[in-house]
């Protein structure tokens, strides 16, 4: 409800992803959100591709930059890294 209200006011929503099934079950939903207006992501990458091949995790050090970029309605790049 809070996000819905926030979006109604055309305010940015910043998502910080950390999941073990991002490249399996959640991929469709994560990448769909990337196409919606006012949704921004803290840059993400695989944290351990050999032990957790479907895992994605945000770079927590990039949260401040992601918030600043989202307030300017831009996505911090690259959103998906190696």
PDB file of N, CA and C in Angstrom:
ATOM      1  N   UNK A   1       0.827  -1.180   0.000  1.00  0.00           N
ATOM      2  CA  UNK A   1       0.000   0.000   0.000  1.00  0.00           C
ATOM      3  C   UNK A   1       0.877   1.253   0.000  1.00  0.00           C
ATOM      4  N   UNK A   2       1.973   1.232   0.734  1.00  0.00           N
ATOM      5  CA  UNK A   2       2.845   2.405   0.799  1.00  0.00           C
ATOM      6  C   UNK A   2       3.471   2.693  -0.561  1.00  0.00           C
ATOM      7  N   UNK A   3       3.917   1.644  -1.255  1.00  0.00           N
ATOM      8  CA  UNK A   3       4.525   1.835  -2.573  1.00  0.00           C
ATOM      9  C   UNK A   3       3.480   2.344  -3.550  1.00  0.00           C
ATOM     10  N   UNK A   4       2.297   1.792  -3.502  1.00  0.00           N
ATOM     11  CA  UNK A   4       1.223   2.232  -4.395  1.00  0.00           C
ATOM     12  C   UNK A   4       0.931   3.713  -4.191  1.00  0.00           C
ATOM     13  N   UNK A   5       0.865   4.141  -2.961  1.00  0.00           N
ATOM     14  CA  UNK A   5       0.619   5.546  -2.648  1.00  0.00           C
ATOM     15  C   UNK A   5       1.780   6.418  -3.125  1.00  0.00           C
ATOM     16  N   UNK A   6       2.975   5.939  -2.944  1.00  0.00           N
ATOM     17  CA  UNK A   6       4.168   6.670  -3.368  1.00  0.00           C
ATOM     18  C   UNK A   6       4.165   6.855  -4.890  1.00  0.00           C
ATOM     19  N   UNK A   7       3.845   5.792  -5.620  1.00  0.00           N
ATOM     20  CA  UNK A   7       3.817   5.847  -7.076  1.00  0.00           C
ATOM     21  C   UNK A   7       2.701   6.758  -7.583  1.00  0.00           C
ATOM     22  N   UNK A   8       1.600   6.793  -6.865  1.00  0.00           N
ATOM     23  CA  UNK A   8       0.483   7.650  -7.256  1.00  0.00           C
ATOM     24  C   UNK A   8       0.919   9.112  -7.306  1.00  0.00           C
ATOM     25  N   UNK A   9       1.859   9.477  -6.461  1.00  0.00           N
ATOM     26  CA  UNK A   9       2.390  10.829  -6.441  1.00  0.00           C
ATOM     27  C   UNK A   9       3.578  11.012  -7.381  1.00  0.00           C
ATOM     28  N   UNK A  10       3.813  10.060  -8.274  1.00  0.00           N
ATOM     29  CA  UNK A  10       4.932  10.074  -9.231  1.00  0.00           C
ATOM     30  C   UNK A  10       6.284  10.198  -8.549  1.00  0.00           C
ATOM     31  N   UNK A  11       6.413   9.590  -7.383  1.00  0.00           N
ATOM     32  CA  UNK A  11       7.676   9.585  -6.652  1.00  0.00           C
ATOM     33  C   UNK A  11       8.424   8.288  -6.944  1.00  0.00           C
ATOM     34  N   UNK A  12       9.759   8.325  -6.929  1.00  0.00           N
ATOM     35  CA  UNK A  12      10.529   7.117  -7.245  1.00  0.00           C
ATOM     36  C   UNK A  12      10.514   6.080  -6.120  1.00  0.00           C
ATOM     37  N   UNK A  13      10.549   4.823  -6.534  1.00  0.00           N
ATOM     38  CA  UNK A  13      10.655   3.695  -5.612  1.00  0.00           C
ATOM     39  C   UNK A  13      11.974   3.001  -5.932  1.00  0.00           C
ATOM     40  N   UNK A  14      12.834   2.852  -4.938  1.00  0.00           N
ATOM     41  CA  UNK A  14      14.137   2.212  -5.134  1.00  0.00           C
ATOM     42  C   UNK A  14      14.088   0.811  -4.528  1.00  0.00           C
ATOM     43  N   UNK A  15      14.447  -0.181  -5.340  1.00  0.00           N
ATOM     44  CA  UNK A  15      14.426  -1.575  -4.901  1.00  0.00           C
ATOM     45  C   UNK A  15      15.852  -2.091  -4.734  1.00  0.00           C
ATOM     46  N   UNK A  16      16.071  -2.764  -3.631  1.00  0.00           N
ATOM     47  CA  UNK A  16      17.365  -3.348  -3.295  1.00  0.00           C
ATOM     48  C   UNK A  16      17.170  -4.871  -3.271  1.00  0.00           C
ATOM     49  N   UNK A  17      17.636  -5.538  -4.311  1.00  0.00           N
ATOM     50  CA  UNK A  17      17.373  -6.963  -4.508  1.00  0.00           C
ATOM     51  C   UNK A  17      18.443  -7.828  -3.836  1.00  0.00           C
ATOM     52  N   UNK A  18      17.994  -8.868  -3.165  1.00  0.00           N
ATOM     53  CA  UNK A  18      18.873  -9.905  -2.624  1.00  0.00           C
ATOM     54  C   UNK A  18      18.039 -11.185  -2.583  1.00  0.00           C
ATOM     55  N   UNK A  19      18.277 -12.077  -3.544  1.00  0.00           N
ATOM     56  CA  UNK A  19      17.470 -13.285  -3.643  1.00  0.00           C
ATOM     57  C   UNK A  19      18.273 -14.440  -4.234  1.00  0.00           C
ATOM     58  N   UNK A  20      17.963 -15.640  -3.801  1.00  0.00           N
ATOM     59  CA  UNK A  20      18.643 -16.832  -4.309  1.00  0.00           C
ATOM     60  C   UNK A  20      17.987 -17.416  -5.551  1.00  0.00           C
ATOM     61  N   UNK A  21      16.811 -16.921  -5.945  1.00  0.00           N
ATOM     62  CA  UNK A  21      16.151 -17.490  -7.124  1.00  0.00           C
ATOM     63  C   UNK A  21      15.860 -16.439  -8.192  1.00  0.00           C
ATOM     64  N   UNK A  22      16.598 -15.339  -8.194  1.00  0.00           N
ATOM     65  CA  UNK A  22      16.329 -14.239  -9.116  1.00  0.00           C
ATOM     66  C   UNK A  22      16.401 -14.649 -10.578  1.00  0.00           C
ATOM     67  N   UNK A  23      17.331 -15.510 -10.910  1.00  0.00           N
ATOM     68  CA  UNK A  23      17.475 -15.903 -12.307  1.00  0.00           C
ATOM     69  C   UNK A  23      16.633 -17.128 -12.645  1.00  0.00           C
ATOM     70  N   UNK A  24      15.801 -17.535 -11.735  1.00  0.00           N
ATOM     71  CA  UNK A  24      14.882 -18.655 -11.977  1.00  0.00           C
ATOM     72  C   UNK A  24      13.454 -18.127 -11.849  1.00  0.00           C
ATOM     73  N   UNK A  25      12.819 -18.345 -10.714  1.00  0.00           N
ATOM     74  CA  UNK A  25      11.424 -17.996 -10.522  1.00  0.00           C
ATOM     75  C   UNK A  25      11.102 -16.521 -10.495  1.00  0.00           C
ATOM     76  N   UNK A  26      11.999 -15.699  -9.984  1.00  0.00           N
ATOM     77  CA  UNK A  26      11.706 -14.271  -9.816  1.00  0.00           C
ATOM     78  C   UNK A  26      12.120 -13.403 -11.000  1.00  0.00           C
ATOM     79  N   UNK A  27      12.866 -13.928 -11.922  1.00  0.00           N
ATOM     80  CA  UNK A  27      13.409 -13.134 -13.028  1.00  0.00           C
ATOM     81  C   UNK A  27      12.327 -12.385 -13.791  1.00  0.00           C
ATOM     82  N   UNK A  28      11.254 -13.060 -14.115  1.00  0.00           N
ATOM     83  CA  UNK A  28      10.175 -12.436 -14.885  1.00  0.00           C
ATOM     84  C   UNK A  28       9.648 -11.193 -14.176  1.00  0.00           C
ATOM     85  N   UNK A  29       9.427 -11.282 -12.887  1.00  0.00           N
ATOM     86  CA  UNK A  29       8.885 -10.156 -12.130  1.00  0.00           C
ATOM     87  C   UNK A  29       9.906  -9.039 -11.947  1.00  0.00           C
ATOM     88  N   UNK A  30      11.146  -9.386 -11.660  1.00  0.00           N
ATOM     89  CA  UNK A  30      12.194  -8.378 -11.476  1.00  0.00           C
ATOM     90  C   UNK A  30      12.380  -7.575 -12.759  1.00  0.00           C
ATOM     91  N   UNK A  31      12.511  -8.267 -13.879  1.00  0.00           N
ATOM     92  CA  UNK A  31      12.763  -7.571 -15.136  1.00  0.00           C
ATOM     93  C   UNK A  31      11.521  -6.841 -15.647  1.00  0.00           C
ATOM     94  N   UNK A  32      10.340  -7.282 -15.275  1.00  0.00           N
ATOM     95  CA  UNK A  32       9.121  -6.528 -15.613  1.00  0.00           C
ATOM     96  C   UNK A  32       9.118  -5.196 -14.869  1.00  0.00           C
ATOM     97  N   UNK A  33       9.497  -5.212 -13.592  1.00  0.00           N
ATOM     98  CA  UNK A  33       9.545  -3.969 -12.812  1.00  0.00           C
ATOM     99  C   UNK A  33      10.545  -2.979 -13.395  1.00  0.00           C
ATOM    100  N   UNK A  34      11.605  -3.477 -14.006  1.00  0.00           N
ATOM    101  CA  UNK A  34      12.596  -2.587 -14.608  1.00  0.00           C
ATOM    102  C   UNK A  34      12.018  -1.765 -15.757  1.00  0.00           C
ATOM    103  N   UNK A  35      10.913  -2.222 -16.319  1.00  0.00           N
ATOM    104  CA  UNK A  35      10.276  -1.509 -17.421  1.00  0.00           C
ATOM    105  C   UNK A  35       9.189  -0.550 -16.966  1.00  0.00           C
ATOM    106  N   UNK A  36       8.855  -0.535 -15.687  1.00  0.00           N
ATOM    107  CA  UNK A  36       7.807   0.346 -15.180  1.00  0.00           C
ATOM    108  C   UNK A  36       8.381   1.700 -14.791  1.00  0.00           C
ATOM    109  N   UNK A  37       7.582   2.711 -14.983  1.00  0.00           N
ATOM    110  CA  UNK A  37       7.974   4.076 -14.635  1.00  0.00           C
ATOM    111  C   UNK A  37       8.102   4.216 -13.113  1.00  0.00           C
ATOM    112  N   UNK A  38       9.099   4.970 -12.690  1.00  0.00           N
ATOM    113  CA  UNK A  38       9.355   5.316 -11.285  1.00  0.00           C
ATOM    114  C   UNK A  38       9.862   4.175 -10.412  1.00  0.00           C
ATOM    115  N   UNK A  39      10.250   3.049 -10.992  1.00  0.00           N
ATOM    116  CA  UNK A  39      10.931   1.980 -10.256  1.00  0.00           C
ATOM    117  C   UNK A  39      12.403   2.034 -10.622  1.00  0.00           C
ATOM    118  N   UNK A  40      13.252   2.067  -9.617  1.00  0.00           N
ATOM    119  CA  UNK A  40      14.698   2.135  -9.824  1.00  0.00           C
ATOM    120  C   UNK A  40      15.348   1.060  -8.964  1.00  0.00           C
ATOM    121  N   UNK A  41      16.479   0.562  -9.430  1.00  0.00           N
ATOM    122  CA  UNK A  41      17.156  -0.534  -8.755  1.00  0.00           C
ATOM    123  C   UNK A  41      18.552  -0.141  -8.314  1.00  0.00           C
ATOM    124  N   UNK A  42      18.925  -0.590  -7.126  1.00  0.00           N
ATOM    125  CA  UNK A  42      20.321  -0.536  -6.730  1.00  0.00           C
ATOM    126  C   UNK A  42      21.010  -1.559  -7.641  1.00  0.00           C
ATOM    127  N   UNK A  43      22.129  -1.214  -8.293  1.00  0.00           N
ATOM    128  CA  UNK A  43      22.785  -2.148  -9.211  1.00  0.00           C
ATOM    129  C   UNK A  43      22.972  -3.543  -8.599  1.00  0.00           C
ATOM    130  N   UNK A  44      22.718  -4.554  -9.430  1.00  0.00           N
ATOM    131  CA  UNK A  44      22.734  -5.947  -8.975  1.00  0.00           C
ATOM    132  C   UNK A  44      23.720  -6.786  -9.793  1.00  0.00           C
ATOM    133  N   UNK A  45      24.186  -7.862  -9.175  1.00  0.00           N
ATOM    134  CA  UNK A  45      25.045  -8.829  -9.862  1.00  0.00           C
ATOM    135  C   UNK A  45      24.956 -10.158  -9.127  1.00  0.00           C
ATOM    136  N   UNK A  46      25.545 -11.185  -9.718  1.00  0.00           N
ATOM    137  CA  UNK A  46      25.579 -12.482  -9.051  1.00  0.00           C
ATOM    138  C   UNK A  46      26.630 -12.435  -7.952  1.00  0.00           C
ATOM    139  N   UNK A  47      26.273 -12.930  -6.775  1.00  0.00           N
ATOM    140  CA  UNK A  47      27.220 -12.894  -5.668  1.00  0.00           C
ATOM    141  C   UNK A  47      28.148 -14.098  -5.648  1.00  0.00           C
ATOM    142  N   UNK A  48      27.712 -15.261  -6.115  1.00  0.00           N
ATOM    143  CA  UNK A  48      28.560 -16.454  -6.171  1.00  0.00           C
ATOM    144  C   UNK A  48      27.979 -17.384  -7.230  1.00  0.00           C
ATOM    145  N   UNK A  49      28.347 -17.135  -8.498  1.00  0.00           N
ATOM    146  CA  UNK A  49      27.724 -17.869  -9.609  1.00  0.00           C
ATOM    147  C   UNK A  49      27.993 -19.357  -9.606  1.00  0.00           C
ATOM    148  N   UNK A  50      29.071 -19.808  -8.991  1.00  0.00           N
ATOM    149  CA  UNK A  50      29.354 -21.244  -9.003  1.00  0.00           C
ATOM    150  C   UNK A  50      28.553 -22.000  -7.945  1.00  0.00           C
ATOM    151  N   UNK A  51      28.369 -21.421  -6.764  1.00  0.00           N
ATOM    152  CA  UNK A  51      27.626 -22.097  -5.703  1.00  0.00           C
ATOM    153  C   UNK A  51      26.138 -21.767  -5.713  1.00  0.00           C
ATOM    154  N   UNK A  52      25.798 -20.552  -6.191  1.00  0.00           N
ATOM    155  CA  UNK A  52      24.400 -20.126  -6.232  1.00  0.00           C
ATOM    156  C   UNK A  52      24.111 -19.549  -7.621  1.00  0.00           C
ATOM    157  N   UNK A  53      23.917 -20.408  -8.623  1.00  0.00           N
ATOM    158  CA  UNK A  53      23.811 -19.948 -10.007  1.00  0.00           C
ATOM    159  C   UNK A  53      22.592 -19.071 -10.316  1.00  0.00           C
ATOM    160  N   UNK A  54      21.577 -19.067  -9.468  1.00  0.00           N
ATOM    161  CA  UNK A  54      20.377 -18.272  -9.735  1.00  0.00           C
ATOM    162  C   UNK A  54      20.290 -17.034  -8.849  1.00  0.00           C
ATOM    163  N   UNK A  55      21.328 -16.782  -8.085  1.00  0.00           N
ATOM    164  CA  UNK A  55      21.318 -15.724  -7.080  1.00  0.00           C
ATOM    165  C   UNK A  55      21.697 -14.354  -7.660  1.00  0.00           C
ATOM    166  N   UNK A  56      21.022 -13.316  -7.180  1.00  0.00           N
ATOM    167  CA  UNK A  56      21.376 -11.928  -7.478  1.00  0.00           C
ATOM    168  C   UNK A  56      21.396 -11.157  -6.170  1.00  0.00           C
ATOM    169  N   UNK A  57      22.318 -10.191  -6.089  1.00  0.00           N
ATOM    170  CA  UNK A  57      22.406  -9.378  -4.882  1.00  0.00           C
ATOM    171  C   UNK A  57      22.806  -7.959  -5.260  1.00  0.00           C
ATOM    172  N   UNK A  58      22.169  -6.993  -4.619  1.00  0.00           N
ATOM    173  CA  UNK A  58      22.503  -5.592  -4.849  1.00  0.00           C
ATOM    174  C   UNK A  58      23.853  -5.252  -4.252  1.00  0.00           C
ATOM    175  N   UNK A  59      24.467  -4.228  -4.819  1.00  0.00           N
ATOM    176  CA  UNK A  59      25.716  -3.696  -4.285  1.00  0.00           C
ATOM    177  C   UNK A  59      25.340  -2.645  -3.240  1.00  0.00           C
ATOM    178  N   UNK A  60      25.391  -3.027  -1.972  1.00  0.00           N
ATOM    179  CA  UNK A  60      24.930  -2.161  -0.890  1.00  0.00           C
ATOM    180  C   UNK A  60      25.699  -0.843  -0.829  1.00  0.00           C
ATOM    181  N   UNK A  61      26.925  -0.803  -1.316  1.00  0.00           N
ATOM    182  CA  UNK A  61      27.713   0.432  -1.321  1.00  0.00           C
ATOM    183  C   UNK A  61      27.135   1.458  -2.291  1.00  0.00           C
ATOM    184  N   UNK A  62      26.299   0.989  -3.225  1.00  0.00           N
ATOM    185  CA  UNK A  62      25.727   1.888  -4.230  1.00  0.00           C
ATOM    186  C   UNK A  62      24.334   2.395  -3.867  1.00  0.00           C
ATOM    187  N   UNK A  63      23.873   2.108  -2.654  1.00  0.00           N
ATOM    188  CA  UNK A  63      22.555   2.587  -2.237  1.00  0.00           C
ATOM    189  C   UNK A  63      22.483   4.117  -2.253  1.00  0.00           C
ATOM    190  N   UNK A  64      23.440   4.839  -1.657  1.00  0.00           N
ATOM    191  CA  UNK A  64      23.333   6.309  -1.677  1.00  0.00           C
ATOM    192  C   UNK A  64      23.276   6.887  -3.099  1.00  0.00           C
ATOM    193  N   UNK A  65      24.119   6.388  -3.990  1.00  0.00           N
ATOM    194  CA  UNK A  65      24.103   6.849  -5.381  1.00  0.00           C
ATOM    195  C   UNK A  65      22.813   6.508  -6.085  1.00  0.00           C
ATOM    196  N   UNK A  66      22.254   5.336  -5.774  1.00  0.00           N
ATOM    197  CA  UNK A  66      20.982   4.923  -6.381  1.00  0.00           C
ATOM    198  C   UNK A  66      19.844   5.832  -5.929  1.00  0.00           C
ATOM    199  N   UNK A  67      19.855   6.216  -4.664  1.00  0.00           N
ATOM    200  CA  UNK A  67      18.815   7.113  -4.145  1.00  0.00           C
ATOM    201  C   UNK A  67      18.918   8.487  -4.792  1.00  0.00           C
ATOM    202  N   UNK A  68      20.125   8.992  -4.915  1.00  0.00           N
ATOM    203  CA  UNK A  68      20.327  10.300  -5.550  1.00  0.00           C
ATOM    204  C   UNK A  68      19.874  10.269  -7.002  1.00  0.00           C
ATOM    205  N   UNK A  69      20.244   9.223  -7.730  1.00  0.00           N
ATOM    206  CA  UNK A  69      19.849   9.087  -9.135  1.00  0.00           C
ATOM    207  C   UNK A  69      18.331   8.969  -9.267  1.00  0.00           C
ATOM    208  N   UNK A  70      17.697   8.189  -8.398  1.00  0.00           N
ATOM    209  CA  UNK A  70      16.247   7.999  -8.467  1.00  0.00           C
ATOM    210  C   UNK A  70      15.505   9.312  -8.225  1.00  0.00           C
ATOM    211  N   UNK A  71      16.009  10.132  -7.323  1.00  0.00           N
ATOM    212  CA  UNK A  71      15.373  11.436  -7.080  1.00  0.00           C
ATOM    213  C   UNK A  71      15.451  12.334  -8.314  1.00  0.00           C
ATOM    214  N   UNK A  72      16.443  12.077  -9.181  1.00  0.00           N
ATOM    215  CA  UNK A  72      16.571  12.797 -10.451  1.00  0.00           C
ATOM    216  C   UNK A  72      15.883  12.026 -11.577  1.00  0.00           C
ATOM    217  N   UNK A  73      15.148  10.958 -11.223  1.00  0.00           N
ATOM    218  CA  UNK A  73      14.417  10.094 -12.167  1.00  0.00           C
ATOM    219  C   UNK A  73      15.335   9.477 -13.221  1.00  0.00           C
ATOM    220  N   UNK A  74      16.500   9.007 -12.759  1.00  0.00           N
ATOM    221  CA  UNK A  74      17.413   8.269 -13.632  1.00  0.00           C
ATOM    222  C   UNK A  74      17.856   6.999 -12.907  1.00  0.00           C
ATOM    223  N   UNK A  75      18.218   6.001 -13.691  1.00  0.00           N
ATOM    224  CA  UNK A  75      18.684   4.729 -13.142  1.00  0.00           C
ATOM    225  C   UNK A  75      20.202   4.732 -13.099  1.00  0.00           C
ATOM    226  N   UNK A  76      20.779   4.446 -11.932  1.00  0.00           N
ATOM    227  CA  UNK A  76      22.229   4.315 -11.804  1.00  0.00           C
ATOM    228  C   UNK A  76      22.663   3.134 -12.674  1.00  0.00           C
ATOM    229  N   UNK A  77      23.702   3.333 -13.473  1.00  0.00           N
ATOM    230  CA  UNK A  77      24.144   2.318 -14.430  1.00  0.00           C
ATOM    231  C   UNK A  77      25.516   1.777 -14.059  1.00  0.00           C
ATOM    232  N   UNK A  78      25.868   0.582 -14.467  1.00  0.00           N
ATOM    233  CA  UNK A  78      24.992  -0.414 -15.076  1.00  0.00           C
ATOM    234  C   UNK A  78      24.113  -1.058 -13.999  1.00  0.00           C
ATOM    235  N   UNK A  79      22.868  -1.319 -14.354  1.00  0.00           N
ATOM    236  CA  UNK A  79      21.941  -1.884 -13.363  1.00  0.00           C
ATOM    237  C   UNK A  79      22.234  -3.370 -13.126  1.00  0.00           C
ATOM    238  N   UNK A  80      22.739  -4.053 -14.139  1.00  0.00           N
ATOM    239  CA  UNK A  80      23.072  -5.479 -14.008  1.00  0.00           C
ATOM    240  C   UNK A  80      24.531  -5.657 -14.364  1.00  0.00           C
ATOM    241  N   UNK A  81      25.339  -6.018 -13.358  1.00  0.00           N
ATOM    242  CA  UNK A  81      26.780  -6.145 -13.582  1.00  0.00           C
ATOM    243  C   UNK A  81      27.256  -7.569 -13.493  1.00  0.00           C
ATOM    244  N   UNK A  82      28.524  -7.723 -13.681  1.00  0.00           N
ATOM    245  CA  UNK A  82      29.124  -9.051 -13.628  1.00  0.00           C
ATOM    246  C   UNK A  82      29.499  -9.423 -12.222  1.00  0.00           C
TER     247      UNK A  82
END
